Structures are given as structure tokens and as C-alpha cells.
Amino acid sequence: DLAPARFVPVLRDEAGIVIGDSLAMAETLAERH
């Protein structure tokens, strides 16, 4: 249900946006918070 994710970790926010890859997760979280 998290396409196109193939590996862990995967992040999903309350809006249903899926972020895969730890580096993308890190930059997204730094941008949001």
C-alpha cells in the first residue's frame, strides 16, 4: 500500500503522502520541522 516503496524505512504522513529512502525522509522532516 506504500508504492513505489520497496525497502524500509518508509514514512507516511497524515495526508497519506509516502516518503521512502532515509535521506528523502531526513530532508522532508527537516523542511517541515
PDB file of all heavy atoms in Angstrom:
ATOM      1  N   ASP A   1       0.809  -1.217   0.000  1.00  0.00           N
ATOM      2  CA  ASP A   1       0.000   0.000   0.000  1.00  0.00           C
ATOM      3  C   ASP A   1       0.845   1.271   0.000  1.00  0.00           C
ATOM      4  O   ASP A   1       0.301   2.375   0.105  1.00  0.00           O
ATOM      5  CB  ASP A   1      -0.929   0.026   1.214  1.00  0.00           C
ATOM      6  CG  ASP A   1      -1.993  -1.058   1.152  1.00  0.00           C
ATOM      7  OD1 ASP A   1      -2.338  -1.489   0.033  1.00  0.00           O
ATOM      8  OD2 ASP A   1      -2.464  -1.481   2.229  1.00  0.00           O
ATOM      9  N   LEU A   2       2.172   1.107  -0.100  1.00  0.00           N
ATOM     10  CA  LEU A   2       3.081   2.248   0.011  1.00  0.00           C
ATOM     11  C   LEU A   2       3.895   2.451  -1.265  1.00  0.00           C
ATOM     12  O   LEU A   2       5.008   2.960  -1.230  1.00  0.00           O
ATOM     13  CB  LEU A   2       4.029   2.048   1.195  1.00  0.00           C
ATOM     14  CG  LEU A   2       3.349   1.838   2.551  1.00  0.00           C
ATOM     15  CD1 LEU A   2       4.370   1.378   3.582  1.00  0.00           C
ATOM     16  CD2 LEU A   2       2.665   3.119   3.011  1.00  0.00           C
ATOM     17  N   ALA A   3       3.346   2.065  -2.396  1.00  0.00           N
ATOM     18  CA  ALA A   3       4.057   2.173  -3.674  1.00  0.00           C
ATOM     19  C   ALA A   3       4.530   3.610  -3.902  1.00  0.00           C
ATOM     20  O   ALA A   3       3.840   4.572  -3.555  1.00  0.00           O
ATOM     21  CB  ALA A   3       3.128   1.725  -4.800  1.00  0.00           C
ATOM     22  N   PRO A   4       5.762   3.752  -4.453  1.00  0.00           N
ATOM     23  CA  PRO A   4       6.611   2.697  -5.023  1.00  0.00           C
ATOM     24  C   PRO A   4       7.656   2.151  -4.049  1.00  0.00           C
ATOM     25  O   PRO A   4       8.707   1.690  -4.477  1.00  0.00           O
ATOM     26  CB  PRO A   4       7.299   3.443  -6.174  1.00  0.00           C
ATOM     27  CG  PRO A   4       7.479   4.835  -5.631  1.00  0.00           C
ATOM     28  CD  PRO A   4       6.260   5.099  -4.788  1.00  0.00           C
ATOM     29  N   ALA A   5       7.395   2.204  -2.741  1.00  0.00           N
ATOM     30  CA  ALA A   5       8.372   1.747  -1.756  1.00  0.00           C
ATOM     31  C   ALA A   5       8.680   0.268  -1.931  1.00  0.00           C
ATOM     32  O   ALA A   5       7.780  -0.547  -2.135  1.00  0.00           O
ATOM     33  CB  ALA A   5       7.847   1.993  -0.344  1.00  0.00           C
ATOM     34  N   ARG A   6       9.975  -0.062  -1.837  1.00  0.00           N
ATOM     35  CA  ARG A   6      10.421  -1.459  -1.914  1.00  0.00           C
ATOM     36  C   ARG A   6      11.209  -1.873  -0.684  1.00  0.00           C
ATOM     37  O   ARG A   6      11.381  -3.062  -0.427  1.00  0.00           O
ATOM     38  CB  ARG A   6      11.292  -1.680  -3.149  1.00  0.00           C
ATOM     39  CG  ARG A   6      10.585  -1.490  -4.481  1.00  0.00           C
ATOM     40  CD  ARG A   6      11.513  -1.904  -5.614  1.00  0.00           C
ATOM     41  NE  ARG A   6      12.723  -1.071  -5.637  1.00  0.00           N
ATOM     42  CZ  ARG A   6      13.865  -1.424  -6.248  1.00  0.00           C
ATOM     43  NH1 ARG A   6      13.943  -2.606  -6.855  1.00  0.00           N
ATOM     44  NH2 ARG A   6      14.900  -0.602  -6.243  1.00  0.00           N
ATOM     45  N   PHE A   7      11.740  -0.889   0.034  1.00  0.00           N
ATOM     46  CA  PHE A   7      12.615  -1.166   1.170  1.00  0.00           C
ATOM     47  C   PHE A   7      12.164  -0.358   2.374  1.00  0.00           C
ATOM     48  O   PHE A   7      11.401   0.611   2.267  1.00  0.00           O
ATOM     49  CB  PHE A   7      14.070  -0.817   0.831  1.00  0.00           C
ATOM     50  CG  PHE A   7      14.575  -1.438  -0.442  1.00  0.00           C
ATOM     51  CD1 PHE A   7      14.849  -0.654  -1.554  1.00  0.00           C
ATOM     52  CD2 PHE A   7      14.759  -2.816  -0.533  1.00  0.00           C
ATOM     53  CE1 PHE A   7      15.305  -1.225  -2.727  1.00  0.00           C
ATOM     54  CE2 PHE A   7      15.219  -3.398  -1.702  1.00  0.00           C
ATOM     55  CZ  PHE A   7      15.486  -2.594  -2.808  1.00  0.00           C
ATOM     56  N   VAL A   8      12.667  -0.745   3.546  1.00  0.00           N
ATOM     57  CA  VAL A   8      12.429   0.024   4.765  1.00  0.00           C
ATOM     58  C   VAL A   8      13.656   0.902   5.032  1.00  0.00           C
ATOM     59  O   VAL A   8      14.755   0.572   4.609  1.00  0.00           O
ATOM     60  CB  VAL A   8      12.180  -0.922   5.959  1.00  0.00           C
ATOM     61  CG1 VAL A   8      10.809  -1.561   5.835  1.00  0.00           C
ATOM     62  CG2 VAL A   8      13.254  -2.008   6.069  1.00  0.00           C
ATOM     63  N   PRO A   9      13.447   2.029   5.734  1.00  0.00           N
ATOM     64  CA  PRO A   9      12.200   2.512   6.307  1.00  0.00           C
ATOM     65  C   PRO A   9      11.347   3.263   5.284  1.00  0.00           C
ATOM     66  O   PRO A   9      11.854   3.724   4.261  1.00  0.00           O
ATOM     67  CB  PRO A   9      12.683   3.465   7.400  1.00  0.00           C
ATOM     68  CG  PRO A   9      13.940   4.053   6.824  1.00  0.00           C
ATOM     69  CD  PRO A   9      14.593   2.903   6.084  1.00  0.00           C
ATOM     70  N   VAL A  10      10.079   3.389   5.608  1.00  0.00           N
ATOM     71  CA  VAL A  10       9.145   4.187   4.822  1.00  0.00           C
ATOM     72  C   VAL A  10       8.325   5.025   5.791  1.00  0.00           C
ATOM     73  O   VAL A  10       7.933   4.545   6.856  1.00  0.00           O
ATOM     74  CB  VAL A  10       8.204   3.303   3.966  1.00  0.00           C
ATOM     75  CG1 VAL A  10       7.306   4.182   3.092  1.00  0.00           C
ATOM     76  CG2 VAL A  10       8.989   2.329   3.114  1.00  0.00           C
ATOM     77  N   LEU A  11       8.074   6.261   5.389  1.00  0.00           N
ATOM     78  CA  LEU A  11       7.323   7.193   6.222  1.00  0.00           C
ATOM     79  C   LEU A  11       6.027   7.572   5.500  1.00  0.00           C
ATOM     80  O   LEU A  11       6.028   7.780   4.287  1.00  0.00           O
ATOM     81  CB  LEU A  11       8.159   8.447   6.467  1.00  0.00           C
ATOM     82  CG  LEU A  11       7.785   9.363   7.635  1.00  0.00           C
ATOM     83  CD1 LEU A  11       7.934   8.638   8.958  1.00  0.00           C
ATOM     84  CD2 LEU A  11       8.670  10.612   7.606  1.00  0.00           C
ATOM     85  N   ARG A  12       4.935   7.655   6.253  1.00  0.00           N
ATOM     86  CA  ARG A  12       3.671   8.124   5.699  1.00  0.00           C
ATOM     87  C   ARG A  12       3.084   9.161   6.645  1.00  0.00           C
ATOM     88  O   ARG A  12       3.023   8.939   7.856  1.00  0.00           O
ATOM     89  CB  ARG A  12       2.693   6.967   5.517  1.00  0.00           C
ATOM     90  CG  ARG A  12       1.364   7.368   4.832  1.00  0.00           C
ATOM     91  CD  ARG A  12       0.493   6.154   4.588  1.00  0.00           C
ATOM     92  NE  ARG A  12       0.115   5.521   5.852  1.00  0.00           N
ATOM     93  CZ  ARG A  12      -0.305   4.240   5.960  1.00  0.00           C
ATOM     94  NH1 ARG A  12      -0.396   3.486   4.894  1.00  0.00           N
ATOM     95  NH2 ARG A  12      -0.624   3.746   7.140  1.00  0.00           N
ATOM     96  N   ASP A  13       2.668  10.307   6.078  1.00  0.00           N
ATOM     97  CA  ASP A  13       2.109  11.342   6.934  1.00  0.00           C
ATOM     98  C   ASP A  13       0.592  11.226   7.004  1.00  0.00           C
ATOM     99  O   ASP A  13      -0.010  10.340   6.386  1.00  0.00           O
ATOM    100  CB  ASP A  13       2.566  12.733   6.490  1.00  0.00           C
ATOM    101  CG  ASP A  13       1.968  13.158   5.146  1.00  0.00           C
ATOM    102  OD1 ASP A  13       1.048  12.490   4.630  1.00  0.00           O
ATOM    103  OD2 ASP A  13       2.441  14.180   4.614  1.00  0.00           O
ATOM    104  N   GLU A  14      -0.024  12.117   7.754  1.00  0.00           N
ATOM    105  CA  GLU A  14      -1.466  12.034   7.983  1.00  0.00           C
ATOM    106  C   GLU A  14      -2.275  12.300   6.716  1.00  0.00           C
ATOM    107  O   GLU A  14      -3.445  11.909   6.629  1.00  0.00           O
ATOM    108  CB  GLU A  14      -1.862  13.006   9.096  1.00  0.00           C
ATOM    109  CG  GLU A  14      -1.370  12.569  10.470  1.00  0.00           C
ATOM    110  CD  GLU A  14      -1.764  13.542  11.567  1.00  0.00           C
ATOM    111  OE1 GLU A  14      -2.183  14.674  11.233  1.00  0.00           O
ATOM    112  OE2 GLU A  14      -1.642  13.176  12.746  1.00  0.00           O
ATOM    113  N   ALA A  15      -1.657  12.961   5.739  1.00  0.00           N
ATOM    114  CA  ALA A  15      -2.330  13.204   4.462  1.00  0.00           C
ATOM    115  C   ALA A  15      -2.181  12.036   3.496  1.00  0.00           C
ATOM    116  O   ALA A  15      -2.716  12.077   2.391  1.00  0.00           O
ATOM    117  CB  ALA A  15      -1.790  14.478   3.821  1.00  0.00           C
ATOM    118  N   GLY A  16      -1.449  11.010   3.916  1.00  0.00           N
ATOM    119  CA  GLY A  16      -1.246   9.847   3.069  1.00  0.00           C
ATOM    120  C   GLY A  16      -0.044   9.953   2.160  1.00  0.00           C
ATOM    121  O   GLY A  16       0.184   9.069   1.329  1.00  0.00           O
ATOM    122  N   ILE A  17       0.755  11.021   2.293  1.00  0.00           N
ATOM    123  CA  ILE A  17       1.963  11.172   1.485  1.00  0.00           C
ATOM    124  C   ILE A  17       3.018  10.186   1.974  1.00  0.00           C
ATOM    125  O   ILE A  17       3.307  10.118   3.169  1.00  0.00           O
ATOM    126  CB  ILE A  17       2.500  12.606   1.553  1.00  0.00           C
ATOM    127  CG1 ILE A  17       1.476  13.574   0.963  1.00  0.00           C
ATOM    128  CG2 ILE A  17       3.832  12.721   0.823  1.00  0.00           C
ATOM    129  CD1 ILE A  17       1.838  15.037   1.138  1.00  0.00           C
ATOM    130  N   VAL A  18       3.569   9.429   1.041  1.00  0.00           N
ATOM    131  CA  VAL A  18       4.564   8.408   1.367  1.00  0.00           C
ATOM    132  C   VAL A  18       5.953   8.919   0.992  1.00  0.00           C
ATOM    133  O   VAL A  18       6.163   9.421  -0.123  1.00  0.00           O
ATOM    134  CB  VAL A  18       4.261   7.092   0.619  1.00  0.00           C
ATOM    135  CG1 VAL A  18       5.355   6.056   0.881  1.00  0.00           C
ATOM    136  CG2 VAL A  18       2.899   6.549   1.048  1.00  0.00           C
ATOM    137  N   ILE A  19       6.889   8.795   1.930  1.00  0.00           N
ATOM    138  CA  ILE A  19       8.277   9.185   1.687  1.00  0.00           C
ATOM    139  C   ILE A  19       9.159   7.971   1.931  1.00  0.00           C
ATOM    140  O   ILE A  19       9.224   7.458   3.049  1.00  0.00           O
ATOM    141  CB  ILE A  19       8.730  10.344   2.597  1.00  0.00           C
ATOM    142  CG1 ILE A  19       7.755  11.525   2.501  1.00  0.00           C
ATOM    143  CG2 ILE A  19      10.139  10.778   2.232  1.00  0.00           C
ATOM    144  CD1 ILE A  19       6.880  11.682   3.700  1.00  0.00           C
ATOM    145  N   GLY A  20       9.810   7.494   0.887  1.00  0.00           N
ATOM    146  CA  GLY A  20      10.752   6.392   1.019  1.00  0.00           C
ATOM    147  C   GLY A  20      12.174   6.913   0.970  1.00  0.00           C
ATOM    148  O   GLY A  20      12.422   8.064   0.583  1.00  0.00           O
ATOM    149  N   ASP A  21      13.115   6.080   1.365  1.00  0.00           N
ATOM    150  CA  ASP A  21      14.548   6.402   1.401  1.00  0.00           C
ATOM    151  C   ASP A  21      14.860   7.351   2.554  1.00  0.00           C
ATOM    152  O   ASP A  21      14.275   8.423   2.674  1.00  0.00           O
ATOM    153  CB  ASP A  21      15.035   6.998   0.080  1.00  0.00           C
ATOM    154  CG  ASP A  21      16.546   7.082   0.040  1.00  0.00           C
ATOM    155  OD1 ASP A  21      17.121   8.008   0.633  1.00  0.00           O
ATOM    156  OD2 ASP A  21      17.159   6.199  -0.572  1.00  0.00           O
ATOM    157  N   SER A  22      15.810   6.955   3.374  1.00  0.00           N
ATOM    158  CA  SER A  22      16.094   7.687   4.606  1.00  0.00           C
ATOM    159  C   SER A  22      16.567   9.114   4.353  1.00  0.00           C
ATOM    160  O   SER A  22      16.270  10.016   5.141  1.00  0.00           O
ATOM    161  CB  SER A  22      17.122   6.927   5.440  1.00  0.00           C
ATOM    162  OG  SER A  22      18.302   6.747   4.693  1.00  0.00           O
ATOM    163  N   LEU A  23      17.303   9.344   3.271  1.00  0.00           N
ATOM    164  CA  LEU A  23      17.775  10.693   3.001  1.00  0.00           C
ATOM    165  C   LEU A  23      16.607  11.606   2.627  1.00  0.00           C
ATOM    166  O   LEU A  23      16.534  12.758   3.084  1.00  0.00           O
ATOM    167  CB  LEU A  23      18.822  10.677   1.886  1.00  0.00           C
ATOM    168  CG  LEU A  23      19.558  11.993   1.637  1.00  0.00           C
ATOM    169  CD1 LEU A  23      20.195  12.524   2.910  1.00  0.00           C
ATOM    170  CD2 LEU A  23      20.616  11.808   0.547  1.00  0.00           C
ATOM    171  N   ALA A  24      15.679  11.106   1.818  1.00  0.00           N
ATOM    172  CA  ALA A  24      14.480  11.890   1.490  1.00  0.00           C
ATOM    173  C   ALA A  24      13.648  12.136   2.743  1.00  0.00           C
ATOM    174  O   ALA A  24      13.094  13.235   2.926  1.00  0.00           O
ATOM    175  CB  ALA A  24      13.653  11.151   0.434  1.00  0.00           C
ATOM    176  N   MET A  25      13.556  11.138   3.608  1.00  0.00           N
ATOM    177  CA  MET A  25      12.839  11.315   4.859  1.00  0.00           C
ATOM    178  C   MET A  25      13.482  12.403   5.708  1.00  0.00           C
ATOM    179  O   MET A  25      12.792  13.271   6.261  1.00  0.00           O
ATOM    180  CB  MET A  25      12.802   9.988   5.631  1.00  0.00           C
ATOM    181  CG  MET A  25      11.920   8.929   5.005  1.00  0.00           C
ATOM    182  SD  MET A  25      12.178   7.272   5.723  1.00  0.00           S
ATOM    183  CE  MET A  25      11.990   7.612   7.471  1.00  0.00           C
ATOM    184  N   ALA A  26      14.807  12.376   5.805  1.00  0.00           N
ATOM    185  CA  ALA A  26      15.527  13.346   6.629  1.00  0.00           C
ATOM    186  C   ALA A  26      15.296  14.765   6.135  1.00  0.00           C
ATOM    187  O   ALA A  26      14.998  15.678   6.924  1.00  0.00           O
ATOM    188  CB  ALA A  26      17.018  13.018   6.638  1.00  0.00           C
ATOM    189  N   GLU A  27      15.426  14.970   4.837  1.00  0.00           N
ATOM    190  CA  GLU A  27      15.260  16.316   4.294  1.00  0.00           C
ATOM    191  C   GLU A  27      13.813  16.783   4.414  1.00  0.00           C
ATOM    192  O   GLU A  27      13.548  17.959   4.682  1.00  0.00           O
ATOM    193  CB  GLU A  27      15.723  16.357   2.842  1.00  0.00           C
ATOM    194  CG  GLU A  27      17.232  16.229   2.668  1.00  0.00           C
ATOM    195  CD  GLU A  27      18.004  17.453   3.155  1.00  0.00           C
ATOM    196  OE1 GLU A  27      17.412  18.371   3.781  1.00  0.00           O
ATOM    197  OE2 GLU A  27      19.220  17.500   2.920  1.00  0.00           O
ATOM    198  N   THR A  28      12.863  15.877   4.225  1.00  0.00           N
ATOM    199  CA  THR A  28      11.458  16.250   4.361  1.00  0.00           C
ATOM    200  C   THR A  28      11.141  16.664   5.790  1.00  0.00           C
ATOM    201  O   THR A  28      10.473  17.683   6.027  1.00  0.00           O
ATOM    202  CB  THR A  28      10.552  15.072   3.937  1.00  0.00           C
ATOM    203  OG1 THR A  28      10.818  14.742   2.568  1.00  0.00           O
ATOM    204  CG2 THR A  28       9.085  15.436   4.093  1.00  0.00           C
ATOM    205  N   LEU A  29      11.620  15.900   6.759  1.00  0.00           N
ATOM    206  CA  LEU A  29      11.356  16.226   8.164  1.00  0.00           C
ATOM    207  C   LEU A  29      12.042  17.527   8.570  1.00  0.00           C
ATOM    208  O   LEU A  29      11.469  18.337   9.309  1.00  0.00           O
ATOM    209  CB  LEU A  29      11.812  15.079   9.056  1.00  0.00           C
ATOM    210  CG  LEU A  29      11.016  13.769   8.923  1.00  0.00           C
ATOM    211  CD1 LEU A  29      11.684  12.661   9.725  1.00  0.00           C
ATOM    212  CD2 LEU A  29       9.573  13.957   9.374  1.00  0.00           C
ATOM    213  N   ALA A  30      13.276  17.740   8.091  1.00  0.00           N
ATOM    214  CA  ALA A  30      13.976  18.986   8.412  1.00  0.00           C
ATOM    215  C   ALA A  30      13.247  20.187   7.826  1.00  0.00           C
ATOM    216  O   ALA A  30      13.177  21.254   8.448  1.00  0.00           O
ATOM    217  CB  ALA A  30      15.409  18.915   7.889  1.00  0.00           C
ATOM    218  N   GLU A  31      12.702  20.025   6.643  1.00  0.00           N
ATOM    219  CA  GLU A  31      11.947  21.094   5.990  1.00  0.00           C
ATOM    220  C   GLU A  31      10.640  21.382   6.723  1.00  0.00           C
ATOM    221  O   GLU A  31      10.255  22.544   6.902  1.00  0.00           O
ATOM    222  CB  GLU A  31      11.668  20.676   4.551  1.00  0.00           C
ATOM    223  CG  GLU A  31      10.859  21.666   3.733  1.00  0.00           C
ATOM    224  CD  GLU A  31      10.597  21.133   2.334  1.00  0.00           C
ATOM    225  OE1 GLU A  31       9.827  20.143   2.211  1.00  0.00           O
ATOM    226  OE2 GLU A  31      11.157  21.678   1.383  1.00  0.00           O
ATOM    227  N   ARG A  32       9.953  20.333   7.155  1.00  0.00           N
ATOM    228  CA  ARG A  32       8.659  20.502   7.813  1.00  0.00           C
ATOM    229  C   ARG A  32       8.773  20.965   9.258  1.00  0.00           C
ATOM    230  O   ARG A  32       7.854  21.586   9.798  1.00  0.00           O
ATOM    231  CB  ARG A  32       7.883  19.183   7.770  1.00  0.00           C
ATOM    232  CG  ARG A  32       7.410  18.774   6.389  1.00  0.00           C
ATOM    233  CD  ARG A  32       6.598  17.494   6.491  1.00  0.00           C
ATOM    234  NE  ARG A  32       6.031  17.100   5.206  1.00  0.00           N
ATOM    235  CZ  ARG A  32       5.202  16.061   5.046  1.00  0.00           C
ATOM    236  NH1 ARG A  32       4.856  15.339   6.108  1.00  0.00           N
ATOM    237  NH2 ARG A  32       4.728  15.766   3.861  1.00  0.00           N
ATOM    238  N   HIS A  33       9.877  20.614   9.910  1.00  0.00           N
ATOM    239  CA  HIS A  33      10.020  20.886  11.352  1.00  0.00           C
ATOM    240  C   HIS A  33      11.333  21.627  11.629  1.00  0.00           C
ATOM    241  O   HIS A  33      12.223  21.103  12.323  1.00  0.00           O
ATOM    242  CB  HIS A  33       9.979  19.573  12.130  1.00  0.00           C
ATOM    243  CG  HIS A  33       8.763  18.738  11.852  1.00  0.00           C
ATOM    244  ND1 HIS A  33       7.544  18.996  12.427  1.00  0.00           N
ATOM    245  CD2 HIS A  33       8.585  17.656  11.042  1.00  0.00           C
ATOM    246  CE1 HIS A  33       6.659  18.117  12.001  1.00  0.00           C
ATOM    247  NE2 HIS A  33       7.262  17.300  11.153  1.00  0.00           N
TER     248      HIS A  33
END
